[in-house]
Amino acid sequence: MDMQLVVGGAYSGKRKIVKQSCENLILHSAYNGDEFSKWQTSLKQNSTFVMEGWEKWVEEQLISGKSIDEVKSFFIEEIDKLCEAEKSLQFPFYFIMLEMGRGIVPMLEKNRNIRDVCGWILQYAANKAEEVYYCWHGLARKIK
């Protein structure tokens, strides 16, 4: 099974939808303080690997002084590595990604940069995903 993507706004029920869809979840989450670069240490056989908190990981990269293009390239390369790991390890991966702003442009440049990079990463992940679900009010609709 190729990578699955669940996207939606904050507190829209994305994690709940994933938990209902699979067993033996391994959650690698920026919200729990998990470092993005350590995703490989979280992998466990016979489990479903879930990554969430991409906007926090993007923010960390931008705060560290990397350019928008460097951060975008880094995450695109990492998504490719994650997809390759999924194929070689033969167990499912889910990405939970936040839909940010619904078209509203943040006033602060820092927040605009986070939103922009997350948008590009989300587009890339949606293209790579076998299935994409949009979650709203705890309901999920398959859009790919």
N, C-alpha and C. Protein backbone atom coordinates (compact mmCIF):
# COMPACT_ATOMS: atom_id res chain seq x y z
N MET A 1 0.85 -1.19 0.00
CA MET A 1 0.00 0.00 0.00
C MET A 1 0.89 1.24 0.00
N ASP A 2 0.56 2.18 -0.88
CA ASP A 2 1.31 3.42 -0.92
C ASP A 2 0.79 4.39 0.13
N MET A 3 1.55 5.44 0.33
CA MET A 3 1.25 6.44 1.35
C MET A 3 -0.16 7.00 1.20
N GLN A 4 -0.79 7.22 2.35
CA GLN A 4 -2.12 7.83 2.42
C GLN A 4 -1.96 9.22 3.03
N LEU A 5 -2.75 10.16 2.57
CA LEU A 5 -2.71 11.53 3.07
C LEU A 5 -4.08 11.91 3.60
N VAL A 6 -4.10 12.44 4.82
CA VAL A 6 -5.32 12.97 5.40
C VAL A 6 -5.06 14.45 5.68
N VAL A 7 -5.88 15.31 5.11
CA VAL A 7 -5.69 16.75 5.23
C VAL A 7 -6.99 17.39 5.72
N GLY A 8 -6.83 18.46 6.46
CA GLY A 8 -7.99 19.21 6.94
C GLY A 8 -7.52 20.30 7.88
N GLY A 9 -8.46 21.08 8.35
CA GLY A 9 -8.15 22.17 9.26
C GLY A 9 -7.81 21.66 10.65
N ALA A 10 -7.43 22.60 11.52
CA ALA A 10 -7.09 22.26 12.90
C ALA A 10 -8.32 21.66 13.60
N TYR A 11 -8.10 20.61 14.34
CA TYR A 11 -9.15 19.96 15.13
C TYR A 11 -10.35 19.53 14.29
N SER A 12 -10.09 19.09 13.07
CA SER A 12 -11.16 18.67 12.17
C SER A 12 -11.44 17.17 12.26
N GLY A 13 -10.62 16.45 13.04
CA GLY A 13 -10.82 15.01 13.20
C GLY A 13 -9.89 14.15 12.37
N LYS A 14 -8.80 14.74 11.89
CA LYS A 14 -7.87 13.99 11.02
C LYS A 14 -7.28 12.77 11.73
N ARG A 15 -6.78 12.97 12.94
CA ARG A 15 -6.15 11.86 13.67
C ARG A 15 -7.19 10.77 13.99
N LYS A 16 -8.38 11.17 14.35
CA LYS A 16 -9.45 10.21 14.66
C LYS A 16 -9.76 9.34 13.44
N ILE A 17 -9.82 9.96 12.27
CA ILE A 17 -10.09 9.23 11.03
C ILE A 17 -8.99 8.19 10.79
N VAL A 18 -7.73 8.58 10.98
CA VAL A 18 -6.63 7.64 10.78
C VAL A 18 -6.70 6.51 11.80
N LYS A 19 -6.95 6.84 13.06
CA LYS A 19 -7.04 5.80 14.10
C LYS A 19 -8.14 4.79 13.80
N GLN A 20 -9.23 5.25 13.21
CA GLN A 20 -10.33 4.34 12.87
C GLN A 20 -10.00 3.47 11.66
N SER A 21 -9.05 3.90 10.86
CA SER A 21 -8.72 3.21 9.61
C SER A 21 -7.68 2.11 9.76
N CYS A 22 -6.92 2.13 10.84
CA CYS A 22 -5.82 1.17 10.93
C CYS A 22 -5.50 0.81 12.38
N GLU A 23 -4.72 -0.25 12.50
CA GLU A 23 -4.32 -0.75 13.81
C GLU A 23 -2.82 -0.55 14.01
N ASN A 24 -2.37 -0.73 15.24
CA ASN A 24 -0.94 -0.66 15.57
C ASN A 24 -0.28 0.62 15.06
N LEU A 25 -0.86 1.75 15.43
CA LEU A 25 -0.32 3.03 14.99
C LEU A 25 0.97 3.38 15.71
N ILE A 26 1.91 3.88 14.95
CA ILE A 26 3.11 4.51 15.49
C ILE A 26 3.01 5.97 15.08
N LEU A 27 2.82 6.85 16.04
CA LEU A 27 2.62 8.26 15.76
C LEU A 27 3.93 9.02 15.96
N HIS A 28 4.42 9.62 14.89
CA HIS A 28 5.60 10.48 14.94
C HIS A 28 5.09 11.90 14.77
N SER A 29 5.05 12.65 15.87
CA SER A 29 4.31 13.90 15.89
C SER A 29 5.15 15.07 16.41
N ALA A 30 5.14 16.16 15.65
CA ALA A 30 5.78 17.39 16.12
C ALA A 30 5.08 17.91 17.36
N TYR A 31 3.78 17.62 17.49
CA TYR A 31 3.01 18.08 18.65
C TYR A 31 3.45 17.38 19.93
N ASN A 32 4.08 16.21 19.78
CA ASN A 32 4.61 15.47 20.93
C ASN A 32 6.10 15.71 21.11
N GLY A 33 6.66 16.63 20.32
CA GLY A 33 8.08 16.94 20.43
C GLY A 33 8.99 16.04 19.62
N ASP A 34 8.43 15.20 18.76
CA ASP A 34 9.26 14.32 17.93
C ASP A 34 9.98 15.15 16.87
N GLU A 35 11.28 14.94 16.76
CA GLU A 35 12.06 15.63 15.75
C GLU A 35 11.83 14.97 14.39
N PHE A 36 11.66 15.80 13.39
CA PHE A 36 11.41 15.26 12.06
C PHE A 36 12.52 14.31 11.63
N SER A 37 13.76 14.73 11.83
CA SER A 37 14.90 13.96 11.34
C SER A 37 15.02 12.58 11.98
N LYS A 38 14.29 12.34 13.04
CA LYS A 38 14.38 11.04 13.72
C LYS A 38 13.24 10.10 13.35
N TRP A 39 12.56 10.36 12.24
CA TRP A 39 11.42 9.52 11.86
C TRP A 39 11.80 8.06 11.70
N GLN A 40 13.02 7.81 11.23
CA GLN A 40 13.43 6.42 11.01
C GLN A 40 13.52 5.63 12.30
N THR A 41 13.81 6.30 13.41
CA THR A 41 13.91 5.59 14.69
C THR A 41 12.54 5.20 15.24
N SER A 42 11.48 5.79 14.70
CA SER A 42 10.12 5.47 15.16
C SER A 42 9.50 4.29 14.41
N LEU A 43 10.10 3.89 13.31
CA LEU A 43 9.54 2.80 12.50
C LEU A 43 9.56 1.49 13.27
N LYS A 44 8.46 0.76 13.17
CA LYS A 44 8.37 -0.57 13.79
C LYS A 44 7.61 -1.49 12.83
N GLN A 45 8.07 -2.72 12.73
CA GLN A 45 7.42 -3.70 11.86
C GLN A 45 5.99 -3.95 12.31
N ASN A 46 5.16 -4.34 11.36
CA ASN A 46 3.76 -4.67 11.60
C ASN A 46 2.98 -3.52 12.22
N SER A 47 3.34 -2.31 11.85
CA SER A 47 2.67 -1.11 12.36
C SER A 47 2.32 -0.20 11.20
N THR A 48 1.45 0.73 11.49
CA THR A 48 1.13 1.79 10.54
C THR A 48 1.83 3.05 11.04
N PHE A 49 2.65 3.63 10.21
CA PHE A 49 3.44 4.79 10.59
C PHE A 49 2.70 6.07 10.21
N VAL A 50 2.49 6.94 11.18
CA VAL A 50 1.74 8.17 10.97
C VAL A 50 2.63 9.36 11.33
N MET A 51 2.68 10.35 10.44
CA MET A 51 3.45 11.57 10.71
C MET A 51 2.51 12.77 10.69
N GLU A 52 2.63 13.60 11.72
CA GLU A 52 1.80 14.81 11.79
C GLU A 52 2.60 15.94 12.42
N GLY A 53 2.14 17.16 12.17
CA GLY A 53 2.81 18.34 12.71
C GLY A 53 3.77 18.96 11.72
N TRP A 54 3.52 18.75 10.45
CA TRP A 54 4.43 19.23 9.40
C TRP A 54 4.67 20.73 9.49
N GLU A 55 3.63 21.49 9.84
CA GLU A 55 3.79 22.95 9.91
C GLU A 55 4.77 23.34 11.00
N LYS A 56 4.85 22.58 12.08
CA LYS A 56 5.81 22.86 13.15
C LYS A 56 7.23 22.55 12.67
N TRP A 57 7.37 21.43 11.96
CA TRP A 57 8.69 21.08 11.43
C TRP A 57 9.15 22.10 10.39
N VAL A 58 8.23 22.59 9.58
CA VAL A 58 8.57 23.64 8.60
C VAL A 58 9.01 24.90 9.34
N GLU A 59 8.26 25.28 10.36
CA GLU A 59 8.61 26.48 11.13
C GLU A 59 10.00 26.36 11.74
N GLU A 60 10.32 25.19 12.29
CA GLU A 60 11.65 24.97 12.88
C GLU A 60 12.75 25.19 11.84
N GLN A 61 12.54 24.67 10.64
CA GLN A 61 13.54 24.82 9.57
C GLN A 61 13.70 26.29 9.18
N LEU A 62 12.60 27.00 9.06
CA LEU A 62 12.66 28.42 8.68
C LEU A 62 13.31 29.25 9.78
N ILE A 63 13.00 28.96 11.03
CA ILE A 63 13.59 29.70 12.15
C ILE A 63 15.10 29.47 12.21
N SER A 64 15.54 28.29 11.78
CA SER A 64 16.97 27.98 11.82
C SER A 64 17.77 28.79 10.79
N GLY A 65 17.07 29.54 9.94
CA GLY A 65 17.76 30.40 8.99
C GLY A 65 17.78 29.89 7.57
N LYS A 66 17.18 28.75 7.32
CA LYS A 66 17.15 28.23 5.95
C LYS A 66 16.17 29.03 5.11
N SER A 67 16.46 29.12 3.83
CA SER A 67 15.58 29.85 2.91
C SER A 67 14.32 29.03 2.64
N ILE A 68 13.32 29.70 2.11
CA ILE A 68 12.08 29.03 1.74
C ILE A 68 12.36 27.89 0.77
N ASP A 69 13.20 28.16 -0.23
CA ASP A 69 13.52 27.12 -1.23
C ASP A 69 14.26 25.95 -0.61
N GLU A 70 15.16 26.22 0.32
CA GLU A 70 15.89 25.14 0.99
C GLU A 70 14.94 24.26 1.81
N VAL A 71 14.02 24.89 2.51
CA VAL A 71 13.07 24.14 3.34
C VAL A 71 12.14 23.32 2.46
N LYS A 72 11.65 23.94 1.42
CA LYS A 72 10.77 23.23 0.48
C LYS A 72 11.49 22.01 -0.11
N SER A 73 12.71 22.20 -0.58
CA SER A 73 13.49 21.10 -1.17
C SER A 73 13.77 20.00 -0.15
N PHE A 74 14.10 20.40 1.07
CA PHE A 74 14.37 19.42 2.13
C PHE A 74 13.17 18.50 2.34
N PHE A 75 11.98 19.07 2.49
CA PHE A 75 10.81 18.25 2.78
C PHE A 75 10.37 17.42 1.57
N ILE A 76 10.55 17.94 0.38
CA ILE A 76 10.23 17.15 -0.81
C ILE A 76 11.15 15.93 -0.88
N GLU A 77 12.43 16.13 -0.62
CA GLU A 77 13.37 15.01 -0.61
C GLU A 77 13.01 14.01 0.50
N GLU A 78 12.62 14.51 1.66
CA GLU A 78 12.26 13.62 2.77
C GLU A 78 10.98 12.84 2.47
N ILE A 79 10.02 13.47 1.81
CA ILE A 79 8.81 12.75 1.43
C ILE A 79 9.17 11.61 0.48
N ASP A 80 10.08 11.87 -0.45
CA ASP A 80 10.55 10.80 -1.35
C ASP A 80 11.20 9.67 -0.56
N LYS A 81 12.02 10.00 0.43
CA LYS A 81 12.66 8.98 1.27
C LYS A 81 11.62 8.18 2.05
N LEU A 82 10.63 8.87 2.58
CA LEU A 82 9.56 8.19 3.32
C LEU A 82 8.80 7.23 2.42
N CYS A 83 8.51 7.65 1.21
CA CYS A 83 7.79 6.78 0.27
C CYS A 83 8.63 5.57 -0.11
N GLU A 84 9.93 5.76 -0.27
CA GLU A 84 10.82 4.63 -0.56
C GLU A 84 10.89 3.67 0.63
N ALA A 85 10.96 4.21 1.84
CA ALA A 85 10.98 3.37 3.04
C ALA A 85 9.71 2.57 3.15
N GLU A 86 8.58 3.18 2.83
CA GLU A 86 7.30 2.47 2.89
C GLU A 86 7.30 1.28 1.94
N LYS A 87 7.81 1.49 0.73
CA LYS A 87 7.83 0.41 -0.26
C LYS A 87 8.76 -0.71 0.17
N SER A 88 9.92 -0.37 0.70
CA SER A 88 10.88 -1.41 1.07
C SER A 88 10.48 -2.14 2.35
N LEU A 89 9.81 -1.47 3.25
CA LEU A 89 9.41 -2.09 4.52
C LEU A 89 8.05 -2.76 4.46
N GLN A 90 7.28 -2.45 3.43
CA GLN A 90 5.99 -3.09 3.20
C GLN A 90 4.98 -2.90 4.33
N PHE A 91 4.90 -1.70 4.86
CA PHE A 91 3.78 -1.41 5.76
C PHE A 91 3.32 0.02 5.55
N PRO A 92 2.06 0.31 5.90
CA PRO A 92 1.45 1.58 5.50
C PRO A 92 1.97 2.81 6.22
N PHE A 93 2.01 3.90 5.48
CA PHE A 93 2.36 5.22 5.99
C PHE A 93 1.15 6.13 5.80
N TYR A 94 0.89 6.95 6.79
CA TYR A 94 -0.12 8.01 6.68
C TYR A 94 0.57 9.33 7.00
N PHE A 95 0.29 10.33 6.20
CA PHE A 95 0.68 11.70 6.51
C PHE A 95 -0.60 12.43 6.90
N ILE A 96 -0.56 13.10 8.03
CA ILE A 96 -1.65 13.98 8.43
C ILE A 96 -1.13 15.39 8.27
N MET A 97 -1.78 16.16 7.40
CA MET A 97 -1.30 17.52 7.13
C MET A 97 -2.42 18.53 7.35
N LEU A 98 -2.01 19.66 7.84
CA LEU A 98 -2.93 20.74 8.17
C LEU A 98 -3.19 21.62 6.95
N GLU A 99 -4.46 21.83 6.66
CA GLU A 99 -4.83 22.81 5.64
C GLU A 99 -4.82 24.15 6.35
N MET A 100 -3.97 25.05 5.89
CA MET A 100 -3.74 26.30 6.62
C MET A 100 -4.39 27.49 5.94
N GLY A 101 -5.32 28.10 6.61
CA GLY A 101 -5.81 29.41 6.22
C GLY A 101 -6.99 29.46 5.28
N ARG A 102 -7.28 28.39 4.57
CA ARG A 102 -8.37 28.38 3.59
C ARG A 102 -8.35 29.63 2.71
N GLY A 103 -7.15 30.00 2.27
CA GLY A 103 -7.00 31.11 1.36
C GLY A 103 -6.77 32.46 2.01
N ILE A 104 -6.85 32.51 3.33
CA ILE A 104 -6.60 33.77 4.04
C ILE A 104 -5.09 33.94 4.19
N VAL A 105 -4.59 35.10 3.80
CA VAL A 105 -3.15 35.37 3.83
C VAL A 105 -2.79 35.98 5.19
N PRO A 106 -1.88 35.32 5.94
CA PRO A 106 -1.47 35.87 7.23
C PRO A 106 -0.76 37.21 7.07
N MET A 107 -0.90 38.06 8.07
CA MET A 107 -0.29 39.40 8.02
C MET A 107 1.22 39.34 8.22
N LEU A 108 1.70 38.47 9.11
CA LEU A 108 3.13 38.39 9.38
C LEU A 108 3.85 37.57 8.32
N GLU A 109 5.00 38.07 7.87
CA GLU A 109 5.77 37.38 6.84
C GLU A 109 6.14 35.96 7.27
N LYS A 110 6.54 35.81 8.52
CA LYS A 110 6.91 34.48 9.04
C LYS A 110 5.76 33.50 8.84
N ASN A 111 4.55 33.91 9.18
CA ASN A 111 3.39 33.03 9.05
C ASN A 111 3.03 32.78 7.59
N ARG A 112 3.23 33.79 6.74
CA ARG A 112 2.99 33.59 5.29
C ARG A 112 3.97 32.56 4.74
N ASN A 113 5.23 32.64 5.16
CA ASN A 113 6.25 31.70 4.68
C ASN A 113 5.92 30.28 5.11
N ILE A 114 5.51 30.10 6.36
CA ILE A 114 5.13 28.77 6.85
C ILE A 114 3.96 28.24 6.02
N ARG A 115 2.95 29.07 5.84
CA ARG A 115 1.77 28.66 5.07
C ARG A 115 2.15 28.29 3.64
N ASP A 116 2.99 29.11 3.00
CA ASP A 116 3.38 28.85 1.62
C ASP A 116 4.15 27.53 1.49
N VAL A 117 5.14 27.33 2.34
CA VAL A 117 5.93 26.10 2.27
C VAL A 117 5.05 24.89 2.56
N CYS A 118 4.21 25.00 3.56
CA CYS A 118 3.30 23.88 3.87
C CYS A 118 2.37 23.59 2.69
N GLY A 119 1.92 24.63 2.01
CA GLY A 119 1.07 24.43 0.84
C GLY A 119 1.79 23.67 -0.27
N TRP A 120 3.03 24.03 -0.52
CA TRP A 120 3.81 23.33 -1.56
C TRP A 120 4.07 21.88 -1.16
N ILE A 121 4.39 21.67 0.11
CA ILE A 121 4.63 20.31 0.59
C ILE A 121 3.35 19.47 0.50
N LEU A 122 2.25 20.07 0.86
CA LEU A 122 0.96 19.38 0.80
C LEU A 122 0.63 19.00 -0.64
N GLN A 123 0.87 19.89 -1.58
CA GLN A 123 0.63 19.57 -2.99
C GLN A 123 1.50 18.39 -3.45
N TYR A 124 2.76 18.41 -3.03
CA TYR A 124 3.68 17.34 -3.41
C TYR A 124 3.22 16.01 -2.80
N ALA A 125 2.87 16.04 -1.51
CA ALA A 125 2.41 14.83 -0.83
C ALA A 125 1.13 14.30 -1.47
N ALA A 126 0.22 15.19 -1.83
CA ALA A 126 -1.03 14.76 -2.48
C ALA A 126 -0.75 14.08 -3.81
N ASN A 127 0.22 14.59 -4.53
CA ASN A 127 0.60 13.99 -5.80
C ASN A 127 1.20 12.59 -5.59
N LYS A 128 1.99 12.42 -4.55
CA LYS A 128 2.66 11.15 -4.27
C LYS A 128 1.73 10.12 -3.64
N ALA A 129 0.69 10.58 -2.96
CA ALA A 129 -0.18 9.68 -2.19
C ALA A 129 -1.03 8.81 -3.10
N GLU A 130 -1.27 7.58 -2.64
CA GLU A 130 -2.19 6.69 -3.35
C GLU A 130 -3.61 7.18 -3.15
N GLU A 131 -3.93 7.57 -1.91
CA GLU A 131 -5.26 8.08 -1.59
C GLU A 131 -5.11 9.35 -0.76
N VAL A 132 -6.03 10.29 -0.98
CA VAL A 132 -6.06 11.54 -0.22
C VAL A 132 -7.48 11.72 0.32
N TYR A 133 -7.55 12.03 1.61
CA TYR A 133 -8.83 12.28 2.27
C TYR A 133 -8.84 13.69 2.83
N TYR A 134 -9.96 14.37 2.62
CA TYR A 134 -10.14 15.70 3.21
C TYR A 134 -11.10 15.55 4.37
N CYS A 135 -10.68 16.04 5.52
CA CYS A 135 -11.46 15.88 6.75
C CYS A 135 -12.03 17.23 7.18
N TRP A 136 -13.31 17.23 7.50
CA TRP A 136 -14.01 18.44 7.93
C TRP A 136 -15.10 18.02 8.92
N HIS A 137 -15.08 18.59 10.09
CA HIS A 137 -16.08 18.29 11.12
C HIS A 137 -16.14 16.80 11.47
N GLY A 138 -14.99 16.14 11.44
CA GLY A 138 -14.92 14.72 11.79
C GLY A 138 -15.34 13.78 10.69
N LEU A 139 -15.68 14.30 9.54
CA LEU A 139 -16.07 13.49 8.39
C LEU A 139 -14.96 13.54 7.35
N ALA A 140 -14.70 12.42 6.73
CA ALA A 140 -13.65 12.38 5.72
C ALA A 140 -14.23 12.05 4.36
N ARG A 141 -13.76 12.76 3.35
CA ARG A 141 -14.16 12.50 1.98
C ARG A 141 -12.92 12.15 1.19
N LYS A 142 -12.99 11.04 0.49
CA LYS A 142 -11.88 10.64 -0.38
C LYS A 142 -11.90 11.56 -1.60
N ILE A 143 -10.77 12.24 -1.83
CA ILE A 143 -10.69 13.13 -2.98
C ILE A 143 -9.69 12.64 -4.03
N LYS A 144 -8.97 11.60 -3.68
CA LYS A 144 -8.07 10.96 -4.67
C LYS A 144 -7.98 9.49 -4.34
